[in-house]
Protein backbone atom coordinates (compact mmCIF):
# COMPACT_ATOMS: atom_id res chain seq x y z
CA MET A 1 -4.67 -11.88 16.93
CA GLU A 2 -2.36 -12.65 18.92
CA GLY A 3 -0.57 -10.48 21.70
CA VAL A 4 2.38 -9.58 19.89
CA GLU A 5 0.56 -8.76 16.75
CA ALA A 6 -2.32 -7.04 18.59
CA TYR A 7 0.13 -4.40 20.53
CA GLY A 8 1.68 -3.83 17.07
CA PHE A 9 -1.49 -3.76 14.98
CA THR A 10 -2.86 -1.04 17.63
CA ALA A 11 0.19 1.13 17.58
CA ALA A 12 0.28 1.32 13.43
CA LEU A 13 -3.23 2.25 13.40
CA SER A 14 -2.94 5.02 16.45
CA GLY A 15 0.23 6.35 14.67
CA ILE A 16 -1.18 6.61 11.27
CA PHE A 17 -4.68 8.29 12.89
CA LEU A 18 -2.05 10.34 15.08
CA LEU A 19 -0.30 11.36 11.60
CA SER A 20 -3.46 11.49 9.77
CA CYS A 21 -4.91 14.36 12.47
CA LEU A 22 -1.85 16.29 12.37
CA LEU A 23 -1.64 16.57 8.67
CA PHE A 24 -5.21 17.44 8.69
CA ALA A 25 -4.75 20.44 11.03
CA ALA A 26 -2.15 21.70 8.71
CA ILE A 27 -4.53 21.11 5.30
CA ASN A 28 -7.51 22.66 7.45
CA ARG A 29 -5.16 25.70 8.11
CA SER A 30 -4.65 26.32 4.73
CA LEU A 31 -7.84 25.48 3.26
CA HIS A 32 -10.14 27.20 4.81
CA ASP A 33 -13.13 26.79 2.31
CA PRO A 34 -14.63 24.40 0.07
CA TYR A 35 -12.47 23.17 -2.67
CA MET A 36 -12.85 21.35 -6.24
CA ASP A 37 -15.92 19.09 -5.73
CA GLU A 38 -16.30 20.02 -1.82
CA VAL A 39 -18.46 23.28 -3.27
CA PHE A 40 -20.90 21.02 -4.21
CA HIS A 41 -20.71 18.37 -1.42
CA VAL A 42 -20.24 20.73 1.89
CA PRO A 43 -23.39 22.76 1.18
CA GLN A 44 -25.29 19.33 0.68
CA ALA A 45 -24.17 18.13 3.62
CA GLN A 46 -24.53 21.73 5.61
CA ALA A 47 -28.50 21.47 3.86
CA TYR A 48 -29.06 18.30 5.33
CA CYS A 49 -27.71 19.28 8.50
CA HIS A 50 -30.00 21.69 8.57
CA GLY A 51 -32.63 19.79 8.14
CA ARG A 52 -33.62 20.29 4.30
CA PHE A 53 -33.50 16.88 3.26
CA LEU A 54 -35.67 17.84 0.22
CA GLN A 55 -32.95 20.09 -0.97
CA TRP A 56 -30.49 18.65 -4.17
CA ASP A 57 -27.86 20.42 -6.14
CA PRO A 58 -28.53 19.37 -9.57
CA MET A 59 -24.50 19.52 -10.41
CA ILE A 60 -24.06 16.38 -8.06
CA THR A 61 -23.68 12.91 -9.84
CA THR A 62 -24.18 10.63 -6.55
CA LEU A 63 -26.55 9.71 -4.34
CA PRO A 64 -26.69 10.98 -0.44
CA GLY A 65 -24.95 8.39 1.43
CA LEU A 66 -22.36 10.50 2.52
CA TYR A 67 -24.25 13.65 3.68
CA LEU A 68 -26.53 11.11 5.49
CA VAL A 69 -23.71 9.02 7.37
CA SER A 70 -22.09 12.44 7.77
CA VAL A 71 -25.04 13.85 9.70
CA GLY A 72 -25.57 10.60 11.71
CA VAL A 73 -22.35 11.28 12.75
CA VAL A 74 -22.05 14.85 13.46
CA LYS A 75 -25.19 15.94 14.83
CA PRO A 76 -25.14 13.28 17.64
CA ALA A 77 -21.31 14.26 18.36
CA ALA A 78 -22.59 18.10 18.74
CA TRP A 79 -25.48 17.03 20.85
CA LEU A 80 -22.75 15.10 23.29
CA PHE A 81 -20.01 18.29 22.94
CA GLY A 82 -22.88 20.95 23.29
CA TRP A 83 -20.94 22.31 19.92
CA THR A 84 -22.91 25.01 18.44
CA GLY A 85 -22.79 27.32 15.33
CA SER A 86 -20.72 27.69 12.63
CA VAL A 87 -18.55 24.97 13.78
CA VAL A 88 -21.24 22.03 13.53
CA CYS A 89 -21.18 20.80 9.68
CA SER A 90 -18.05 23.09 9.10
CA ALA A 91 -16.13 22.00 6.02
CA GLY A 92 -13.50 21.21 8.22
CA MET A 93 -16.14 19.13 10.95
CA LEU A 94 -17.12 16.86 7.47
CA ARG A 95 -13.90 16.13 6.34
CA PHE A 96 -13.28 14.80 9.59
CA ILE A 97 -15.89 12.42 9.21
CA ASN A 98 -13.19 10.94 6.42
CA LEU A 99 -10.45 10.45 9.04
CA LEU A 100 -12.80 7.81 10.76
CA PHE A 101 -13.68 6.42 7.85
CA THR A 102 -9.76 5.94 7.22
CA ALA A 103 -9.09 4.45 10.69
CA GLY A 104 -12.28 1.87 10.05
CA ASN A 105 -10.74 1.38 6.49
CA PHE A 106 -7.29 0.40 8.27
CA TYR A 107 -8.89 -2.45 10.26
CA LEU A 108 -10.83 -4.16 7.30
CA LEU A 109 -7.75 -3.98 5.31
CA TYR A 110 -5.97 -6.04 8.11
CA LEU A 111 -9.14 -8.20 8.29
CA LEU A 112 -9.31 -8.62 4.72
CA LEU A 113 -5.47 -9.65 4.34
CA LEU A 114 -5.75 -12.14 7.51
CA LYS A 115 -9.00 -13.47 5.77
CA ILE A 116 -7.61 -14.20 2.40
CA HIS A 117 -4.05 -15.28 2.89
CA GLN A 118 -5.17 -17.37 6.38
CA LYS A 119 -3.98 -20.56 4.76
CA ASN A 120 -0.34 -19.11 4.38
CA LYS A 121 1.61 -19.85 7.34
CA ALA A 122 4.49 -18.63 6.43
CA VAL A 123 2.86 -15.33 6.46
CA SER A 124 4.17 -12.84 10.02
CA GLY A 125 1.80 -10.46 11.83
CA PHE A 126 4.56 -8.14 11.15
CA GLN A 127 4.19 -8.66 7.51
CA ARG A 128 0.54 -8.57 7.23
CA ILE A 129 0.03 -5.09 9.75
CA LEU A 130 3.13 -3.62 7.32
CA SER A 131 0.77 -4.38 4.19
CA THR A 132 -1.86 -3.05 5.87
CA LEU A 133 -0.22 0.10 6.96
CA THR A 134 1.13 0.12 3.06
CA LEU A 135 -2.65 -0.22 1.80
CA ALA A 136 -3.89 2.17 4.14
CA VAL A 137 -1.59 5.56 2.97
CA PHE A 138 -2.29 4.25 -0.71
CA PRO A 139 -1.55 7.49 -2.67
CA THR A 140 -4.81 8.05 -4.64
CA LEU A 141 -7.05 6.69 -1.56
CA TYR A 142 -5.05 9.08 1.15
CA PHE A 143 -4.89 11.94 -0.48
CA PHE A 144 -8.80 11.93 -0.35
CA THR A 145 -8.90 11.10 3.22
CA PHE A 146 -8.52 15.21 3.89
CA LEU A 147 -11.26 16.20 1.15
CA TYR A 148 -15.12 15.80 1.66
CA TYR A 149 -15.28 13.46 -0.90
CA THR A 150 -16.88 10.08 -1.39
CA ASP A 151 -13.86 8.20 -1.86
CA SER A 152 -13.22 7.32 1.75
CA GLY A 153 -17.02 6.14 2.70
CA SER A 154 -17.26 4.31 -0.92
CA VAL A 155 -13.72 2.16 -0.12
CA PHE A 156 -15.05 1.93 3.52
CA PHE A 157 -18.59 -0.02 3.00
CA THR A 158 -17.43 -1.84 -0.34
CA LEU A 159 -14.07 -3.57 1.84
CA PHE A 160 -16.63 -4.39 4.92
CA ALA A 161 -18.91 -5.66 2.29
CA TYR A 162 -16.51 -7.55 1.03
CA LEU A 163 -15.16 -9.11 4.10
CA MET A 164 -18.75 -10.25 5.29
CA CYS A 165 -18.78 -12.05 1.89
CA LEU A 166 -15.95 -13.89 2.48
CA TYR A 167 -17.04 -14.81 5.83
CA GLY A 168 -20.57 -16.10 4.36
CA ASN A 169 -22.51 -13.33 6.02
CA HIS A 170 -24.05 -12.50 2.57
CA LYS A 171 -27.17 -11.12 3.63
CA THR A 172 -24.80 -8.65 6.06
CA SER A 173 -22.96 -8.28 2.57
CA ALA A 174 -25.25 -7.45 0.89
CA LEU A 175 -26.81 -4.44 2.80
CA LEU A 176 -22.98 -3.09 2.95
CA GLY A 177 -22.89 -3.10 -0.48
CA PHE A 178 -26.19 -1.26 -0.68
CA CYS A 179 -24.59 1.47 1.98
CA GLY A 180 -21.34 2.06 -0.86
CA PHE A 181 -23.95 2.09 -3.75
CA MET A 182 -25.17 4.93 -1.81
CA PHE A 183 -21.73 6.73 -2.03
CA ARG A 184 -21.22 5.88 -5.74
CA GLN A 185 -23.43 3.89 -8.11
CA THR A 186 -20.96 1.92 -9.57
CA ASN A 187 -20.17 0.13 -6.33
CA ILE A 188 -22.98 -2.12 -7.04
CA VAL A 189 -20.17 -3.61 -9.09
CA TRP A 190 -18.37 -4.66 -6.15
CA ALA A 191 -21.56 -5.96 -4.76
CA VAL A 192 -21.63 -8.23 -7.82
CA PHE A 193 -17.87 -9.37 -7.26
CA CYS A 194 -19.15 -10.56 -4.04
CA ALA A 195 -21.86 -12.56 -5.44
CA GLY A 196 -19.34 -13.80 -7.99
CA ASN A 197 -17.02 -14.69 -5.18
CA VAL A 198 -20.00 -17.14 -3.85
CA VAL A 199 -20.34 -18.41 -7.27
CA ALA A 200 -16.31 -18.65 -8.24
CA GLU A 201 -15.88 -20.80 -5.01
CA LYS A 202 -19.18 -23.40 -6.01
CA LEU A 203 -17.41 -23.67 -9.53
CA THR A 204 -14.10 -24.34 -8.15
CA GLU A 205 -15.21 -27.01 -5.97
CA ALA A 206 -17.21 -29.09 -9.05
CA TRP A 207 -14.07 -28.42 -11.15
CA LYS A 208 -12.01 -30.17 -8.92
CA THR A 209 -14.51 -32.95 -8.55
CA GLU A 210 -14.58 -33.51 -12.59
CA LEU A 211 -10.40 -33.77 -12.51
CA GLN A 212 -11.28 -36.40 -9.99
CA LYS A 213 -13.54 -38.42 -11.69
CA LYS A 214 -11.60 -37.93 -15.16
CA LYS A 215 -8.20 -38.40 -12.82
CA ASP A 216 -6.73 -35.84 -15.56
CA GLU A 217 -4.16 -34.18 -13.19
CA LYS A 218 -2.61 -31.74 -16.69
CA ILE A 219 -5.49 -29.85 -16.25
CA SER A 220 -5.60 -27.41 -13.37
CA PRO A 221 -7.70 -24.09 -12.98
CA ARG A 222 -4.70 -22.05 -11.70
CA LYS A 223 -3.17 -22.60 -15.44
CA GLY A 224 -4.00 -20.52 -17.85
CA SER A 225 -2.81 -21.52 -21.30
CA PHE A 226 -5.03 -21.04 -23.80
CA SER A 227 -6.27 -24.56 -24.06
CA ASP A 228 -6.68 -24.66 -20.31
CA LEU A 229 -9.19 -22.13 -20.54
CA ILE A 230 -11.26 -23.26 -23.29
CA ARG A 231 -11.99 -26.56 -21.73
CA VAL A 232 -12.78 -24.35 -18.28
CA LEU A 233 -15.06 -22.53 -20.57
CA GLN A 234 -16.43 -25.58 -21.52
CA PHE A 235 -17.10 -26.87 -18.06
CA LEU A 236 -18.63 -23.21 -17.01
CA VAL A 237 -21.34 -23.87 -20.11
CA GLU A 238 -22.50 -27.37 -18.83
CA TYR A 239 -22.25 -27.04 -15.36
CA LEU A 240 -24.68 -23.47 -16.04
CA ILE A 241 -27.22 -25.44 -17.91
CA PRO A 242 -28.91 -27.94 -15.60
CA PRO A 243 -31.67 -26.07 -13.56
CA LYS A 244 -30.67 -27.38 -10.43
CA ASN A 245 -27.22 -26.39 -10.34
CA LEU A 246 -28.57 -22.57 -10.89
CA LEU A 247 -31.04 -23.12 -8.46
CA THR A 248 -28.33 -23.62 -6.07
CA LEU A 249 -26.23 -20.81 -6.99
CA THR A 250 -29.64 -18.54 -6.90
CA ALA A 251 -30.25 -19.61 -3.11
CA LEU A 252 -26.55 -19.24 -2.42
CA THR A 253 -26.36 -15.71 -3.91
CA TRP A 254 -30.26 -14.49 -3.43
CA PRO A 255 -29.53 -11.34 -1.20
CA TYR A 256 -27.36 -9.68 -4.18
CA ILE A 257 -29.79 -10.96 -6.78
CA VAL A 258 -32.43 -8.48 -4.80
CA LEU A 259 -29.71 -5.84 -4.44
CA VAL A 260 -29.16 -5.76 -8.05
CA ALA A 261 -32.81 -5.73 -8.77
CA VAL A 262 -33.04 -2.96 -6.51
CA PHE A 263 -29.96 -1.20 -8.74
CA PHE A 264 -32.22 -1.94 -11.80
CA GLY A 265 -34.81 -0.44 -10.58
CA PHE A 266 -32.89 2.64 -9.88
CA ILE A 267 -32.18 2.90 -13.08
CA PHE A 268 -35.43 2.72 -14.64
CA THR A 269 -36.27 5.21 -12.19
CA ASN A 270 -34.10 7.92 -12.95
CA GLY A 271 -33.35 7.01 -16.21
CA GLY A 272 -29.60 6.31 -15.66
CA ILE A 273 -27.23 5.77 -13.52
CA VAL A 274 -26.14 8.89 -12.95
CA VAL A 275 -28.17 11.57 -10.85
CA GLY A 276 -28.06 15.24 -11.32
CA ASP A 277 -25.58 16.69 -14.16
CA ARG A 278 -25.26 13.74 -16.62
CA SER A 279 -23.36 16.13 -19.10
CA SER A 280 -20.33 15.20 -18.39
CA HIS A 281 -20.21 11.48 -17.35
CA GLU A 282 -21.66 10.53 -20.30
CA ALA A 283 -20.67 6.26 -20.60
CA CYS A 284 -19.28 4.94 -23.64
CA LEU A 285 -17.05 2.43 -24.69
CA HIS A 286 -13.45 3.55 -23.53
CA ILE A 287 -11.77 0.31 -23.91
CA PRO A 288 -8.11 1.82 -23.12
CA GLN A 289 -9.33 2.70 -19.75
CA LEU A 290 -8.32 -1.01 -19.06
CA PHE A 291 -4.67 0.01 -20.28
CA TYR A 292 -4.76 2.63 -18.36
CA PHE A 293 -5.70 0.84 -15.53
CA LEU A 294 -2.97 -1.57 -15.68
CA SER A 295 -0.34 1.01 -16.18
CA PHE A 296 -1.80 2.71 -13.31
CA THR A 297 -1.41 -0.88 -11.16
CA ALA A 298 2.09 -1.38 -12.72
CA PHE A 299 3.25 2.02 -11.02
CA PHE A 300 1.87 1.65 -7.68
CA SER A 301 2.68 -1.98 -7.43
CA PHE A 302 6.17 -2.09 -9.16
CA PRO A 303 7.91 -4.25 -6.63
CA HIS A 304 5.50 -6.84 -6.98
CA MET A 305 5.27 -6.46 -11.46
CA LEU A 306 8.38 -4.83 -12.34
CA THR A 307 11.12 -7.68 -11.14
CA PRO A 308 13.59 -9.11 -12.95
CA THR A 309 12.48 -12.58 -12.67
CA LYS A 310 9.04 -11.15 -14.02
CA ILE A 311 11.04 -9.16 -16.69
CA ARG A 312 12.73 -12.17 -17.92
CA LYS A 313 9.52 -15.00 -17.83
CA PHE A 314 7.33 -12.19 -19.68
CA LEU A 315 10.41 -12.35 -22.24
CA VAL A 316 10.40 -15.94 -22.54
CA SER A 317 6.72 -16.42 -23.09
CA LEU A 318 7.21 -13.91 -26.02
CA ARG A 319 9.67 -16.03 -27.35
CA LYS A 320 7.51 -19.00 -27.01
CA HIS A 321 4.16 -17.55 -27.78
CA PRO A 322 5.09 -15.32 -30.60
CA VAL A 323 1.67 -15.81 -33.06
CA GLN A 324 -0.67 -15.47 -30.00
CA TYR A 325 1.20 -11.49 -28.68
CA SER A 326 1.31 -10.39 -32.46
CA LEU A 327 -2.39 -11.05 -32.16
CA ILE A 328 -2.82 -9.33 -29.01
CA THR A 329 -0.87 -6.48 -30.13
CA VAL A 330 -2.75 -5.51 -33.61
CA ILE A 331 -6.08 -5.87 -31.45
CA SER A 332 -4.98 -3.64 -29.05
CA LEU A 333 -3.87 -0.99 -31.94
CA PHE A 334 -7.32 -1.28 -32.99
CA LEU A 335 -8.80 -0.58 -30.07
CA ILE A 336 -6.68 2.38 -29.25
CA TRP A 337 -7.38 3.71 -32.58
CA LYS A 338 -11.08 2.77 -32.34
CA PHE A 339 -12.10 3.16 -28.82
CA THR A 340 -10.02 6.35 -27.40
CA TYR A 341 -11.98 9.10 -25.70
CA VAL A 342 -10.75 12.33 -24.35
CA HIS A 343 -12.91 14.37 -22.02
CA LYS A 344 -12.99 17.83 -21.68
CA TYR A 345 -11.96 17.91 -18.11
CA LEU A 346 -9.06 16.21 -19.28
CA LEU A 347 -7.92 18.86 -21.26
CA ALA A 348 -9.24 22.04 -19.73
CA ASP A 349 -8.37 21.27 -15.58
CA ASN A 350 -4.78 21.84 -15.22
CA ARG A 351 -4.85 21.17 -11.49
CA HIS A 352 -5.25 17.38 -12.15
CA TYR A 353 -2.05 14.82 -12.76
CA THR A 354 -3.97 13.39 -15.19
CA PHE A 355 -3.86 16.53 -17.33
CA TYR A 356 -0.12 16.86 -17.49
CA ILE A 357 0.04 13.01 -17.69
CA TRP A 358 -2.30 13.12 -20.99
CA ARG A 359 0.11 16.65 -21.84
CA LYS A 360 3.32 15.55 -21.14
CA VAL A 361 2.89 11.95 -22.74
CA PHE A 362 -0.38 11.12 -24.76
CA GLN A 363 -0.05 14.47 -26.61
CA ARG A 364 3.29 15.03 -27.42
CA HIS A 365 3.10 12.48 -30.64
CA GLU A 366 -0.09 11.16 -32.31
CA LEU A 367 1.68 7.74 -32.46
CA VAL A 368 2.90 7.97 -28.82
CA LYS A 369 -0.85 6.36 -27.51
CA TYR A 370 0.80 3.23 -29.78
CA LEU A 371 3.64 3.09 -29.09
CA LEU A 372 2.58 2.32 -25.63
CA VAL A 373 1.44 -1.45 -26.49
CA PRO A 374 4.10 -3.08 -25.38
CA VAL A 375 4.31 -1.35 -21.87
CA TYR A 376 0.61 -2.34 -21.70
CA MET A 377 1.09 -5.84 -22.75
CA PHE A 378 3.54 -6.24 -20.39
CA ALA A 379 1.81 -4.71 -17.65
CA GLY A 380 -1.29 -6.72 -18.26
CA TRP A 381 0.92 -10.10 -18.36
CA SER A 382 2.58 -9.29 -15.00
CA PHE A 383 -0.86 -8.48 -13.82
CA ALA A 384 -2.03 -11.83 -14.50
CA ASP A 385 0.87 -13.69 -13.18
CA THR A 386 0.80 -11.99 -9.97
CA LEU A 387 -2.90 -13.76 -9.45
CA LYS A 388 -2.34 -16.97 -10.74
CA SER A 389 -2.36 -18.23 -7.33
CA LYS A 390 -6.25 -17.21 -7.59
CA SER A 391 -8.49 -19.93 -9.33
CA ILE A 392 -9.26 -19.11 -13.03
CA PHE A 393 -13.03 -18.37 -11.94
CA TRP A 394 -12.02 -16.11 -9.31
CA THR A 395 -9.91 -14.60 -11.69
CA LEU A 396 -12.88 -14.39 -14.34
CA VAL A 397 -15.03 -12.84 -11.92
CA TYR A 398 -12.58 -10.08 -11.21
CA VAL A 399 -11.84 -9.64 -14.54
CA VAL A 400 -15.50 -9.29 -15.77
CA CYS A 401 -15.72 -6.35 -12.72
CA LEU A 402 -12.69 -4.91 -13.14
CA LEU A 403 -14.25 -4.20 -17.17
CA ALA A 404 -17.17 -2.85 -16.23
CA VAL A 405 -16.14 -0.33 -14.00
CA THR A 406 -13.86 0.95 -16.06
CA ILE A 407 -14.17 1.13 -20.06
CA PRO A 408 -17.42 2.80 -19.02
CA GLN A 409 -15.76 5.94 -17.89
CA LYS A 410 -15.27 8.66 -20.42
CA LEU A 411 -13.19 10.67 -18.20
CA LEU A 412 -9.49 9.48 -17.07
CA GLU A 413 -9.72 9.87 -13.08
CA PHE A 414 -7.22 8.07 -11.02
CA ARG A 415 -10.34 7.83 -8.12
CA TYR A 416 -11.92 5.49 -10.11
CA PHE A 417 -9.01 3.17 -9.81
CA ILE A 418 -8.82 2.58 -6.71
CA LEU A 419 -10.82 -0.71 -5.52
CA PRO A 420 -10.34 -2.52 -8.58
CA PHE A 421 -6.49 -1.92 -7.20
CA LEU A 422 -6.90 -2.63 -3.76
CA ILE A 423 -8.85 -5.63 -4.42
CA TYR A 424 -6.33 -6.58 -6.74
CA ARG A 425 -3.72 -5.77 -3.86
CA LEU A 426 -5.31 -7.86 -1.33
CA ASN A 427 -5.24 -11.05 -3.51
CA ILE A 428 -1.45 -11.29 -4.52
CA PRO A 429 0.52 -13.24 -2.81
CA PHE A 430 2.31 -11.79 -0.11
CA PRO A 431 5.79 -10.57 -1.11
CA SER A 432 9.01 -10.85 0.42
CA LEU A 433 9.70 -8.32 3.40
CA TYR A 434 11.96 -6.23 1.59
CA ARG A 435 9.30 -5.82 -1.23
CA GLN A 436 6.73 -4.98 1.03
CA LEU A 437 9.03 -2.47 2.74
CA LEU A 438 10.20 -0.79 -0.28
CA GLU A 439 6.24 -0.27 -1.55
CA LEU A 440 5.61 0.87 1.57
CA ALA A 441 8.54 3.61 1.45
CA PHE A 442 7.42 4.58 -2.16
CA TYR A 443 4.16 5.49 -1.00
CA VAL A 444 5.41 7.80 1.49
CA VAL A 445 7.68 9.49 -1.17
CA VAL A 446 4.54 9.91 -3.20
CA ASN A 447 2.58 11.47 -0.44
CA ALA A 448 4.80 13.76 0.76
CA VAL A 449 5.52 15.14 -2.93
CA THR A 450 1.51 15.20 -3.36
CA PHE A 451 1.12 16.91 -0.19
CA HIS A 452 4.05 19.49 -0.32
CA LEU A 453 2.57 20.15 -4.19
CA PHE A 454 -0.69 20.62 -2.79
CA LEU A 455 -0.05 22.84 0.42
CA ASN A 456 2.99 25.11 -0.97
CA ARG A 457 2.67 25.15 -5.00
CA THR A 458 -0.39 26.81 -5.33
CA PHE A 459 -1.06 28.92 -8.27
CA GLN A 460 -4.02 31.16 -9.86
CA TRP A 461 -5.61 31.28 -12.99
CA PRO A 462 -5.62 34.33 -15.66
CA ASN A 463 -8.85 36.78 -14.22
CA SER A 464 -9.22 34.69 -11.04
CA ASP A 465 -8.25 35.20 -7.61
CA GLU A 466 -8.80 31.97 -6.41
CA ILE A 467 -6.09 30.12 -5.18
CA GLN A 468 -5.98 26.90 -7.04
CA ARG A 469 -3.94 23.81 -6.02
CA PHE A 470 -2.42 20.62 -7.40
CA MET A 471 -3.88 17.17 -6.68
CA TRP A 472 -4.55 14.00 -8.26
């Protein structure tokens, strides 16, 4: 990091942390008691603070990573600064842990952008810092910085594992992946993604060697036609058959293999992926979750995905391949018809934005969910188009992990989209400065509206004196 860039990075990190502290103080003045899922998380962390490590709330569905880290930070700080009484492990103190994670996420996002785009010499230090700042205030993630939820810590350890993977420190990456798993069990998918990065890199090298042998310049792992995809899949099968290649890949990815083995051991011992209350977290084949994610990504990446150029290219593609798009349309309609699930929380909890999206859009008419297929198709095409700079093997690994982390979820919950979105956004080419500024301005506006609604537009349910607030 050069001198000017280092000063800019320090100023951006300090500024966002100071702003977050001010916002944190405002939220804690308005929200003294635990809210929403904090009702479960805060008492559990407080039990750990008092040394009751065998006490467990059966309503909690995640592993105790958040509480263990919280105790590991708060207890030494309390001893160092002489804190006593109720301030130690109070709701406000526990929420502050996520501010520390947010500062760490800022640094990790910067390092990941630096590493992933290191070959792009046209990217300036200012652009890297601007993109880091934008992703650090990504609305769905940034909002939960101020509540005692698992999201900030989950993102921190997963991004850290990804960074270590990119630098080739795979044992460290697997260990950090285990920490991410302790925050949220589905993070095991992103540990597999790290292993997939290693495999994709080896496959890309072998693919290039194969092309050089055949001297066939027309086939490229970055092209995307259906015939090229078939050739790539044939190559993949042929590459994985010889035991020598499998042993090589195993030797490279063994730390992740051990982690996955630990995960399956946990599944066997626990009797499922969810700890505690499983009644509201049943796995299902909810394929439209992929369509919701693509729409979510298009909304938050509209400066990159919804450009006039992309719209024109999509229309040209439609005209050139009408049969393929017609087939995709029919399949999408069938998948929506057969595999759409509506969770009871989505219909009952009017504190979440998803409640209003579902009621105002999807419940307006039975046909709406089918009429949105063209939107999903464009979002999917644009999503793939922004990733065309990545190798086909990397893209295959990412898509498989995306499917694994979204489709089994019955509940439409935007928090589940945070990590796949961030990994996507980190890996697309750097946009123009204008688009970066537009993206940041959009995030700032969305955050401002969200916090205004949360703090100032409170409401009450009938037959209840508790104050309710709108949130993601």
